[in-house]
Amino acid sequence: MGLLEAIGNVLTLNELAVLAMFLTFIFLLFRGVPVAYALVGVSLIFVLVAEILLDPHRSLFKDIIDFDRIGMDYRRLAAISGRIFGSTVKNPVLVALPMFIFMGLMLDQSGVAQRMMQSMQKLFGGLRGGLSLTVLLIGIILAASTGVIGASVTLLGVMALPSMMAQNYSKPIATGTIASAGTLGILIPPSIMLVIMSDQLAISLGDLFMGALFPGLILGALYIIFIVIYGLISPGSMPPPEKSEHVGWPVVKEVLLAVVPPMFLILLVLGSIFAGFATPTEASGLGALGATLLALFNGKLNYKVLKEVSRSTLNTSGYIVGIFLAANFFAFILRRYGGDEIVQHMVLSTFENPYMIVVFILFIVFLLGFLLDWIEITIIIMPLMLPIISGLELAVPGYDVVRDPSIVWFAILVAVTLQTSFLTPPVGFALFYLKGVCPPGITLGHIYRGVVPFVALQLLGLFIVFEFPALVTWLPSVAYGN
């Protein structure tokens, strides 16, 4: 009893259990247990722990257990089915998820990206760093039309990396450019991450799409500026080709013919949302249809492609929904232990300045990005932080028309922060997608070194959005103001 009392003097058993849940989950991840299994397994273990602690025959724990805050046993797990049914099956926002995934995968199969790569190489290939600029510009366009990180990184790697190596590009700068350009799709709308955030924070998906547009373009601009400056400082890392074509009207015309169709699709999808002509769910269906028509017009649509895209959409959607359900289960058990109150008290007691509290939360998200996928962070952490942000007095310009401007601003800050999670080891998915298509001679070490400056640029972009909240709220305010 003495040891238990000593623990109780430092941490209540509730706080100890919440900490143990997170540590056990991280331990299982490092042991190679799949994320969904780890989330469900940890949840069931700690339900069993609660059953033991609440056994009246073990009343020796009564001095250090807050029974009212736990209030959980296996019979209460019935509540989770209603919670999951209400948050997923009956949620119209999540219907957009498979549609946007289908749109991105079908665009990858349509040949649009290959045409853009071939034409833009002729336009920029003769410049120092021209291939990197081409990759970044295509990455921005793909980001606004696909939103599927794995597909974008793999496609850019397959198309651009052999040409970069043949032109004697630095291996770190080549791989860093491709990995960072491919991850823009998780931020620039339509983004599947923003769809999940909209659901978890109960805010308008249209607000998030409009709010993320400028921050995403700012990140893309920072990447381009970095490549231009780096090419001037270290010309040997991105040499121009020995021979280059003359850039005339035929080359410009070829670029326009390659770029206009996907840009029109982007305008159709995002424009219909921003103008209020369609809901994000309706626009996602429009985008899926448009991508299919592009594949048809380019002669790439056949039964095999349709079957492969549909199967990949099912697999990706199933993966996300599987983790979504498991994370909801984990979050439910965490709240039964009073985890939401414990985390909120910890965050609020750290700083008094509301903006420093926001910075502290973003720092936590940044650190979690080294260990967890964006899905777990979004589903578990975001609802815990929502009451904190709602209670802070943040001077976020909303122009009296944006609904919950501080929540929209915070969500975009987290989305920008989570950009880093795709490029930071050990679970940076973009790094492993790229390594899977790298030619011999390129190691993970080259990729790790290559992404370091781009992670720094992402943090710079985060600072810009933090200092200028109007970058997030201005576009929604114009839409609603009209």
Protein backbone atom coordinates (compact mmCIF):
# COMPACT_ATOMS: atom_id res chain seq x y z
CA MET A 1 0.00 0.00 0.00
CA GLY A 2 2.92 2.33 0.61
CA LEU A 3 4.03 2.24 -3.04
CA LEU A 4 0.49 2.92 -4.25
CA GLU A 5 0.16 5.86 -1.89
CA ALA A 6 3.50 7.23 -3.09
CA ILE A 7 2.31 7.02 -6.70
CA GLY A 8 -0.96 8.63 -5.71
CA ASN A 9 0.88 11.58 -4.20
CA VAL A 10 2.50 12.30 -7.56
CA LEU A 11 -0.15 11.18 -10.05
CA THR A 12 -3.71 10.04 -9.60
CA LEU A 13 -4.35 6.60 -10.99
CA ASN A 14 -6.44 8.20 -13.73
CA GLU A 15 -3.48 10.28 -14.89
CA LEU A 16 -1.19 7.29 -14.64
CA ALA A 17 -3.60 5.21 -16.73
CA VAL A 18 -3.86 7.91 -19.45
CA LEU A 19 -0.06 8.13 -19.64
CA ALA A 20 0.22 4.34 -19.70
CA MET A 21 -2.29 4.13 -22.57
CA PHE A 22 -0.20 6.40 -24.77
CA LEU A 23 3.10 4.72 -23.84
CA THR A 24 1.68 1.24 -24.43
CA PHE A 25 0.33 2.30 -27.82
CA ILE A 26 3.69 3.76 -28.88
CA PHE A 27 5.50 0.63 -27.63
CA LEU A 28 3.25 -1.60 -29.73
CA LEU A 29 3.86 0.57 -32.80
CA PHE A 30 7.62 0.18 -32.42
CA ARG A 31 7.11 -3.56 -32.07
CA GLY A 32 5.54 -3.54 -35.53
CA VAL A 33 1.91 -4.06 -34.52
CA PRO A 34 -0.47 -2.52 -37.12
CA VAL A 35 -1.89 0.81 -36.00
CA ALA A 36 -5.55 -0.26 -35.91
CA TYR A 37 -4.76 -3.42 -33.94
CA ALA A 38 -2.60 -1.45 -31.51
CA LEU A 39 -5.36 1.10 -30.87
CA VAL A 40 -8.04 -1.53 -30.28
CA GLY A 41 -5.74 -3.79 -28.29
CA VAL A 42 -4.64 -1.04 -25.91
CA SER A 43 -8.25 0.03 -25.46
CA LEU A 44 -9.40 -3.48 -24.52
CA ILE A 45 -6.46 -3.93 -22.13
CA PHE A 46 -7.33 -0.77 -20.25
CA VAL A 47 -11.01 -1.66 -20.11
CA LEU A 48 -9.86 -4.84 -18.36
CA VAL A 49 -7.70 -2.72 -16.04
CA ALA A 50 -10.74 -0.62 -15.19
CA GLU A 51 -12.77 -3.76 -14.47
CA ILE A 52 -10.14 -4.94 -11.98
CA LEU A 53 -9.82 -1.55 -10.31
CA LEU A 54 -13.55 -1.23 -9.94
CA ASP A 55 -13.96 -4.63 -8.33
CA PRO A 56 -15.43 -3.86 -4.89
CA HIS A 57 -13.26 -6.59 -3.38
CA ARG A 58 -10.18 -4.51 -4.25
CA SER A 59 -11.16 -1.49 -2.23
CA LEU A 60 -7.55 -0.93 -1.10
CA PHE A 61 -7.27 1.31 -4.21
CA LYS A 62 -10.06 3.60 -3.09
CA ASP A 63 -7.72 6.34 -1.81
CA ILE A 64 -6.04 6.97 -5.15
CA ILE A 65 -8.75 6.10 -7.69
CA ASP A 66 -11.29 8.61 -8.88
CA PHE A 67 -14.06 6.07 -9.47
CA ASP A 68 -16.47 8.69 -10.78
CA ARG A 69 -14.09 9.74 -13.52
CA ILE A 70 -13.40 6.19 -14.65
CA GLY A 71 -16.97 4.92 -14.56
CA MET A 72 -16.33 2.18 -17.09
CA ASP A 73 -16.76 -1.54 -17.52
CA TYR A 74 -17.28 -3.96 -20.39
CA ARG A 75 -21.05 -3.42 -20.33
CA ARG A 76 -20.52 0.24 -21.19
CA LEU A 77 -18.77 -0.71 -24.42
CA ALA A 78 -22.22 -0.97 -25.99
CA ALA A 79 -22.15 2.83 -26.16
CA ILE A 80 -19.27 2.73 -28.62
CA SER A 81 -21.41 1.16 -31.35
CA GLY A 82 -23.86 4.05 -31.31
CA ARG A 83 -20.99 6.53 -31.21
CA ILE A 84 -19.27 4.97 -34.22
CA PHE A 85 -22.51 4.59 -36.18
CA GLY A 86 -23.37 8.23 -35.60
CA SER A 87 -19.90 9.55 -36.44
CA THR A 88 -19.24 7.48 -39.57
CA VAL A 89 -22.18 5.70 -41.16
CA LYS A 90 -24.60 8.61 -40.72
CA ASN A 91 -22.04 11.33 -41.47
CA PRO A 92 -22.58 12.86 -44.93
CA VAL A 93 -19.21 14.67 -44.84
CA LEU A 94 -17.27 11.40 -44.91
CA VAL A 95 -19.02 10.38 -48.13
CA ALA A 96 -16.66 12.80 -49.87
CA LEU A 97 -13.64 10.78 -48.70
CA PRO A 98 -13.76 7.87 -51.21
CA MET A 99 -14.84 10.23 -54.00
CA PHE A 100 -11.78 12.48 -53.59
CA ILE A 101 -9.55 9.40 -53.34
CA PHE A 102 -11.07 8.00 -56.55
CA MET A 103 -10.58 11.37 -58.25
CA GLY A 104 -6.89 11.47 -57.35
CA LEU A 105 -6.16 7.88 -58.32
CA MET A 106 -8.03 8.20 -61.63
CA LEU A 107 -6.09 11.38 -62.45
CA ASP A 108 -2.86 9.49 -61.86
CA GLN A 109 -4.04 6.89 -64.39
CA SER A 110 -5.29 9.45 -66.90
CA GLY A 111 -1.85 10.38 -68.22
CA VAL A 112 -2.32 14.03 -67.27
CA ALA A 113 0.75 14.13 -65.01
CA GLN A 114 2.94 12.46 -67.65
CA ARG A 115 1.89 15.03 -70.25
CA MET A 116 2.62 17.87 -67.84
CA MET A 117 6.04 16.43 -67.00
CA GLN A 118 7.03 16.01 -70.65
CA SER A 119 5.87 19.49 -71.67
CA MET A 120 7.20 21.35 -68.63
CA GLN A 121 10.59 19.69 -69.00
CA LYS A 122 10.84 21.31 -72.40
CA LEU A 123 9.80 24.68 -70.92
CA PHE A 124 12.00 24.71 -67.80
CA GLY A 125 14.50 21.91 -68.49
CA GLY A 126 17.11 24.25 -69.91
CA LEU A 127 17.29 26.26 -66.67
CA ARG A 128 19.51 25.52 -63.71
CA GLY A 129 17.25 23.62 -61.35
CA GLY A 130 14.62 23.40 -64.08
CA LEU A 131 13.71 19.80 -63.29
CA SER A 132 13.17 20.66 -59.62
CA LEU A 133 10.96 23.60 -60.60
CA THR A 134 9.01 21.29 -62.92
CA VAL A 135 8.49 18.77 -60.12
CA LEU A 136 7.29 21.46 -57.70
CA LEU A 137 4.85 23.02 -60.18
CA ILE A 138 3.41 19.63 -61.09
CA GLY A 139 3.27 18.78 -57.39
CA ILE A 140 1.18 21.89 -56.72
CA ILE A 141 -1.22 21.06 -59.56
CA LEU A 142 -1.48 17.42 -58.49
CA ALA A 143 -2.04 18.54 -54.88
CA ALA A 144 -5.06 20.57 -55.94
CA SER A 145 -6.46 17.71 -57.97
CA THR A 146 -5.54 14.49 -56.17
CA GLY A 147 -4.89 14.82 -52.44
CA VAL A 148 -3.51 11.25 -52.32
CA ILE A 149 0.04 11.40 -50.95
CA GLY A 150 1.17 7.91 -51.86
CA ALA A 151 0.06 8.24 -55.47
CA SER A 152 1.59 11.71 -55.92
CA VAL A 153 4.99 10.89 -54.40
CA THR A 154 5.25 7.60 -56.29
CA LEU A 155 4.20 9.18 -59.58
CA LEU A 156 6.63 12.09 -59.26
CA GLY A 157 9.41 9.73 -58.25
CA VAL A 158 8.87 7.44 -61.22
CA MET A 159 8.61 10.31 -63.71
CA ALA A 160 11.25 12.76 -62.47
CA LEU A 161 13.93 10.92 -60.51
CA PRO A 162 15.57 9.08 -63.48
CA SER A 163 15.83 12.36 -65.41
CA MET A 164 17.31 14.13 -62.38
CA MET A 165 19.91 11.41 -61.90
CA ALA A 166 20.77 11.42 -65.62
CA GLN A 167 21.34 15.19 -65.34
CA ASN A 168 23.66 14.69 -62.30
CA TYR A 169 21.39 16.32 -59.74
CA SER A 170 22.39 16.05 -56.10
CA LYS A 171 20.65 12.98 -54.69
CA PRO A 172 19.45 14.73 -51.49
CA ILE A 173 18.05 17.76 -53.33
CA ALA A 174 16.34 15.56 -55.95
CA THR A 175 14.67 13.27 -53.42
CA GLY A 176 13.81 16.13 -51.04
CA THR A 177 12.11 18.06 -53.84
CA ILE A 178 10.00 15.07 -54.91
CA ALA A 179 8.97 14.07 -51.37
CA SER A 180 7.99 17.62 -50.35
CA ALA A 181 6.13 18.35 -53.60
CA GLY A 182 4.16 15.11 -53.25
CA THR A 183 3.00 15.92 -49.71
CA LEU A 184 1.37 19.22 -50.66
CA GLY A 185 -1.78 17.28 -51.52
CA ILE A 186 -2.59 16.70 -47.85
CA LEU A 187 -2.94 20.47 -47.33
CA ILE A 188 -4.02 22.07 -50.61
CA PRO A 189 -7.75 21.37 -51.09
CA PRO A 190 -9.44 19.09 -51.83
CA SER A 191 -7.62 17.28 -49.03
CA ILE A 192 -8.76 14.08 -47.33
CA MET A 193 -7.12 15.27 -44.10
CA LEU A 194 -9.33 18.36 -44.08
CA VAL A 195 -12.36 16.11 -44.58
CA ILE A 196 -11.46 14.21 -41.38
CA MET A 197 -10.74 17.45 -39.50
CA SER A 198 -14.09 18.88 -40.52
CA ASP A 199 -15.79 15.84 -39.03
CA GLN A 200 -13.77 15.80 -35.80
CA LEU A 201 -14.07 19.53 -35.11
CA ALA A 202 -17.68 19.84 -36.33
CA ILE A 203 -16.87 22.80 -38.58
CA SER A 204 -17.66 23.54 -42.21
CA LEU A 205 -15.56 21.61 -44.74
CA GLY A 206 -15.99 24.50 -47.16
CA ASP A 207 -14.41 26.85 -44.57
CA LEU A 208 -11.43 24.52 -44.21
CA PHE A 209 -10.98 24.17 -47.97
CA MET A 210 -11.02 27.93 -48.45
CA GLY A 211 -8.84 28.52 -45.41
CA ALA A 212 -6.17 26.04 -46.55
CA LEU A 213 -5.79 27.40 -50.08
CA PHE A 214 -3.40 30.30 -49.38
CA PRO A 215 -1.26 28.45 -46.78
CA GLY A 216 -0.83 25.57 -49.24
CA LEU A 217 0.19 27.92 -52.07
CA ILE A 218 2.56 29.74 -49.70
CA LEU A 219 4.33 26.46 -48.94
CA GLY A 220 4.64 25.74 -52.65
CA ALA A 221 6.03 29.25 -53.24
CA LEU A 222 8.57 28.80 -50.43
CA TYR A 223 9.77 25.56 -52.02
CA ILE A 224 10.19 27.26 -55.42
CA ILE A 225 12.07 30.22 -53.91
CA PHE A 226 14.36 27.82 -52.05
CA ILE A 227 15.19 25.89 -55.23
CA VAL A 228 16.00 29.10 -57.12
CA ILE A 229 18.26 30.38 -54.33
CA TYR A 230 19.90 26.98 -53.78
CA GLY A 231 20.65 26.73 -57.49
CA LEU A 232 22.47 30.07 -57.33
CA ILE A 233 24.42 29.16 -54.18
CA SER A 234 25.28 25.59 -55.23
CA PRO A 235 25.15 25.45 -59.04
CA GLY A 236 26.77 22.01 -59.15
CA SER A 237 23.87 20.41 -57.28
CA MET A 238 21.34 21.15 -60.05
CA PRO A 239 23.25 21.52 -63.33
CA PRO A 240 21.45 22.48 -66.54
CA PRO A 241 21.43 19.96 -69.41
CA GLU A 242 24.20 20.01 -71.95
CA LYS A 243 21.65 20.52 -74.70
CA SER A 244 18.23 22.14 -74.44
CA GLU A 245 15.43 22.84 -76.87
CA HIS A 246 14.52 26.30 -78.01
CA VAL A 247 11.48 27.51 -76.09
CA GLY A 248 8.96 28.89 -78.55
CA TRP A 249 5.23 29.02 -79.02
CA PRO A 250 4.89 25.26 -79.81
CA VAL A 251 6.42 24.40 -76.41
CA VAL A 252 4.21 26.94 -74.60
CA LYS A 253 1.18 25.60 -76.46
CA GLU A 254 2.06 22.05 -75.44
CA VAL A 255 2.32 23.14 -71.79
CA LEU A 256 -1.05 24.89 -71.94
CA LEU A 257 -2.73 21.86 -73.51
CA ALA A 258 -1.30 19.69 -70.72
CA VAL A 259 -2.10 22.04 -67.82
CA VAL A 260 -5.52 23.45 -68.77
CA PRO A 261 -7.59 20.20 -68.38
CA PRO A 262 -6.54 19.47 -64.76
CA MET A 263 -6.74 23.16 -63.88
CA PHE A 264 -10.28 23.27 -65.28
CA LEU A 265 -11.18 20.24 -63.15
CA ILE A 266 -9.71 21.96 -60.08
CA LEU A 267 -11.69 25.12 -60.85
CA LEU A 268 -14.83 23.05 -61.34
CA VAL A 269 -14.50 21.24 -58.00
CA LEU A 270 -13.19 24.01 -55.76
CA GLY A 271 -15.07 26.77 -57.58
CA SER A 272 -18.40 25.04 -57.09
CA ILE A 273 -17.67 24.72 -53.36
CA PHE A 274 -16.37 28.26 -52.89
CA ALA A 275 -19.25 29.77 -54.86
CA GLY A 276 -21.80 27.78 -52.88
CA PHE A 277 -23.16 25.95 -55.94
CA ALA A 278 -22.34 22.53 -54.48
CA THR A 279 -21.54 20.98 -51.14
CA PRO A 280 -18.08 19.36 -50.76
CA THR A 281 -19.77 15.95 -50.98
CA GLU A 282 -21.47 16.86 -54.26
CA ALA A 283 -18.27 18.44 -55.59
CA SER A 284 -16.33 15.26 -54.80
CA GLY A 285 -18.66 13.27 -57.04
CA LEU A 286 -18.23 15.89 -59.75
CA GLY A 287 -14.46 15.60 -59.43
CA ALA A 288 -14.55 11.81 -59.67
CA LEU A 289 -16.64 12.05 -62.84
CA GLY A 290 -14.35 14.74 -64.30
CA ALA A 291 -11.21 12.66 -63.65
CA THR A 292 -12.84 9.66 -65.33
CA LEU A 293 -13.72 11.77 -68.39
CA LEU A 294 -10.12 13.06 -68.57
CA ALA A 295 -8.87 9.49 -68.59
CA LEU A 296 -11.39 8.66 -71.33
CA PHE A 297 -10.35 11.63 -73.50
CA ASN A 298 -6.68 10.71 -73.11
CA GLY A 299 -7.37 7.14 -74.19
CA LYS A 300 -6.35 5.70 -70.82
CA LEU A 301 -9.73 4.48 -69.58
CA ASN A 302 -10.45 0.79 -69.86
CA TYR A 303 -11.85 -1.97 -67.68
CA LYS A 304 -8.45 -2.80 -66.17
CA VAL A 305 -7.80 0.83 -65.14
CA LEU A 306 -11.32 1.26 -63.74
CA LYS A 307 -10.98 -1.98 -61.77
CA GLU A 308 -7.55 -1.03 -60.39
CA VAL A 309 -8.62 2.50 -59.41
CA SER A 310 -11.79 1.21 -57.77
CA ARG A 311 -9.86 -1.46 -55.85
CA SER A 312 -7.22 1.06 -54.72
CA THR A 313 -9.99 3.45 -53.64
CA LEU A 314 -11.58 0.67 -51.60
CA ASN A 315 -8.24 -0.27 -50.00
CA THR A 316 -7.31 3.31 -49.14
CA SER A 317 -10.78 4.17 -47.86
CA GLY A 318 -10.89 0.94 -45.85
CA TYR A 319 -7.49 1.69 -44.33
CA ILE A 320 -8.57 5.19 -43.29
CA VAL A 321 -11.97 4.08 -41.98
CA GLY A 322 -10.37 1.16 -40.12
CA ILE A 323 -8.00 3.48 -38.29
CA PHE A 324 -10.87 5.94 -37.87
CA LEU A 325 -12.97 3.33 -36.05
CA ALA A 326 -10.03 2.08 -33.97
CA ALA A 327 -9.00 5.62 -33.01
CA ASN A 328 -12.58 6.43 -32.02
CA PHE A 329 -12.56 3.36 -29.77
CA PHE A 330 -9.24 4.46 -28.24
CA ALA A 331 -10.53 8.01 -27.72
CA PHE A 332 -13.72 6.69 -26.09
CA ILE A 333 -11.77 4.66 -23.51
CA LEU A 334 -9.38 7.56 -22.97
CA ARG A 335 -12.30 9.83 -22.12
CA ARG A 336 -13.74 7.25 -19.73
CA TYR A 337 -10.51 7.57 -17.77
CA GLY A 338 -10.95 11.34 -17.76
CA GLY A 339 -8.19 11.73 -20.34
CA ASP A 340 -9.80 14.77 -21.95
CA GLU A 341 -9.87 16.66 -18.64
CA ILE A 342 -6.32 15.59 -17.78
CA VAL A 343 -4.89 16.67 -21.15
CA GLN A 344 -6.78 19.95 -21.13
CA HIS A 345 -5.64 20.75 -17.59
CA MET A 346 -2.04 19.94 -18.52
CA VAL A 347 -2.11 22.20 -21.57
CA LEU A 348 -3.92 25.11 -19.90
CA SER A 349 -1.65 25.03 -16.85
CA THR A 350 1.50 25.29 -18.97
CA PHE A 351 1.08 28.89 -20.16
CA GLU A 352 -1.22 31.81 -19.42
CA ASN A 353 -0.82 33.55 -22.77
CA PRO A 354 -3.44 32.05 -25.15
CA TYR A 355 -1.11 32.24 -28.15
CA MET A 356 1.63 30.41 -26.26
CA ILE A 357 -0.93 27.69 -25.53
CA VAL A 358 -1.56 27.38 -29.27
CA VAL A 359 2.21 27.19 -29.88
CA PHE A 360 2.53 24.50 -27.20
CA ILE A 361 -0.23 22.43 -28.84
CA LEU A 362 1.43 22.76 -32.24
CA PHE A 363 4.73 21.67 -30.69
CA ILE A 364 3.03 18.56 -29.29
CA VAL A 365 1.52 17.82 -32.72
CA PHE A 366 4.95 18.28 -34.33
CA LEU A 367 6.54 15.79 -31.93
CA LEU A 368 3.68 13.31 -32.35
CA GLY A 369 4.23 13.52 -36.11
CA PHE A 370 7.52 11.65 -35.64
CA LEU A 371 5.65 8.70 -34.13
CA LEU A 372 2.04 8.70 -35.35
CA ASP A 373 0.22 9.00 -38.64
CA TRP A 374 -1.89 12.10 -39.32
CA ILE A 375 -5.08 10.04 -39.00
CA GLU A 376 -4.46 9.08 -35.37
CA ILE A 377 -3.35 12.61 -34.48
CA THR A 378 -6.41 14.13 -36.11
CA ILE A 379 -8.93 11.74 -34.56
CA ILE A 380 -7.45 11.46 -31.06
CA ILE A 381 -5.78 14.82 -30.43
CA MET A 382 -8.01 17.31 -32.27
CA PRO A 383 -11.22 16.64 -30.28
CA LEU A 384 -9.20 16.90 -27.05
CA MET A 385 -7.90 20.32 -28.07
CA LEU A 386 -11.21 21.68 -29.36
CA PRO A 387 -12.57 22.80 -25.94
CA ILE A 388 -9.22 24.45 -25.17
CA ILE A 389 -9.15 26.52 -28.37
CA SER A 390 -12.83 27.37 -28.06
CA GLY A 391 -12.22 28.78 -24.57
CA LEU A 392 -9.21 30.91 -25.53
CA GLU A 393 -9.60 34.59 -26.37
CA LEU A 394 -7.87 34.65 -29.73
CA ALA A 395 -8.04 37.77 -31.89
CA VAL A 396 -8.56 35.91 -35.16
CA PRO A 397 -10.10 38.13 -37.85
CA GLY A 398 -13.37 36.63 -38.97
CA TYR A 399 -14.93 39.75 -40.42
CA ASP A 400 -18.10 38.79 -38.54
CA VAL A 401 -19.04 36.27 -41.22
CA VAL A 402 -16.74 33.24 -40.80
CA ARG A 403 -18.17 30.60 -38.50
CA ASP A 404 -15.73 29.75 -35.68
CA PRO A 405 -12.75 31.65 -37.19
CA SER A 406 -10.40 30.67 -34.35
CA ILE A 407 -11.23 26.97 -34.84
CA VAL A 408 -10.71 27.22 -38.61
CA TRP A 409 -7.38 29.00 -38.07
CA PHE A 410 -6.26 26.42 -35.52
CA ALA A 411 -7.24 23.53 -37.79
CA ILE A 412 -5.17 24.94 -40.66
CA LEU A 413 -2.21 25.50 -38.30
CA VAL A 414 -2.40 21.84 -37.32
CA ALA A 415 -2.74 20.82 -40.98
CA VAL A 416 0.42 22.79 -41.87
CA THR A 417 2.22 21.24 -38.90
CA LEU A 418 1.18 17.76 -39.99
CA GLN A 419 2.92 18.37 -43.32
CA THR A 420 6.11 17.63 -41.42
CA SER A 421 4.82 14.22 -40.29
CA PHE A 422 5.14 12.90 -43.86
CA LEU A 423 8.81 13.87 -44.04
CA THR A 424 10.08 13.05 -40.54
CA PRO A 425 11.35 9.58 -39.62
CA PRO A 426 10.61 6.96 -38.48
CA VAL A 427 7.02 7.00 -39.83
CA GLY A 428 7.31 9.60 -42.60
CA PHE A 429 5.24 7.85 -45.24
CA ALA A 430 6.45 10.02 -48.13
CA LEU A 431 10.00 8.87 -47.43
CA PHE A 432 9.12 5.20 -47.82
CA TYR A 433 6.85 5.72 -50.82
CA LEU A 434 9.78 7.46 -52.52
CA LYS A 435 12.35 4.88 -51.45
CA GLY A 436 10.20 2.20 -53.04
CA VAL A 437 10.67 3.72 -56.52
CA CYS A 438 14.23 5.02 -56.17
CA PRO A 439 16.87 3.64 -58.56
CA PRO A 440 19.87 1.80 -57.09
CA GLY A 441 22.38 4.07 -55.41
CA ILE A 442 19.85 6.25 -53.58
CA THR A 443 19.62 5.39 -49.88
CA LEU A 444 17.30 6.45 -47.08
CA GLY A 445 20.20 8.59 -45.86
CA HIS A 446 20.05 10.65 -49.07
CA ILE A 447 16.30 11.06 -48.65
CA TYR A 448 16.57 12.03 -44.96
CA ARG A 449 19.18 14.70 -45.74
CA GLY A 450 17.13 15.95 -48.66
CA VAL A 451 13.96 16.61 -46.67
CA VAL A 452 15.63 18.57 -43.85
CA PRO A 453 15.49 21.99 -45.59
CA PHE A 454 11.90 21.36 -46.68
CA VAL A 455 10.83 20.55 -43.12
CA ALA A 456 12.42 23.87 -42.12
CA LEU A 457 10.43 25.60 -44.89
CA GLN A 458 7.24 23.96 -43.60
CA LEU A 459 7.94 25.39 -40.15
CA LEU A 460 8.57 28.79 -41.75
CA GLY A 461 5.21 28.50 -43.52
CA LEU A 462 3.63 27.60 -40.19
CA PHE A 463 5.12 30.74 -38.63
CA ILE A 464 3.71 32.89 -41.46
CA VAL A 465 0.21 31.47 -41.05
CA PHE A 466 0.46 31.86 -37.27
CA GLU A 467 1.49 35.52 -37.56
CA PHE A 468 -1.09 36.37 -40.23
CA PRO A 469 -4.39 34.58 -39.44
CA ALA A 470 -6.13 36.57 -42.20
CA LEU A 471 -4.39 34.28 -44.70
CA VAL A 472 -6.81 31.62 -43.48
CA THR A 473 -9.97 33.60 -42.81
CA TRP A 474 -9.93 36.14 -45.65
CA LEU A 475 -11.21 33.87 -48.42
CA PRO A 476 -14.11 32.42 -46.37
CA SER A 477 -15.03 35.95 -45.28
CA VAL A 478 -15.21 37.09 -48.92
CA ALA A 479 -17.33 34.06 -49.85
CA TYR A 480 -19.81 34.62 -47.03
CA GLY A 481 -19.66 38.40 -47.34
CA ASN A 482 -20.93 38.16 -50.86
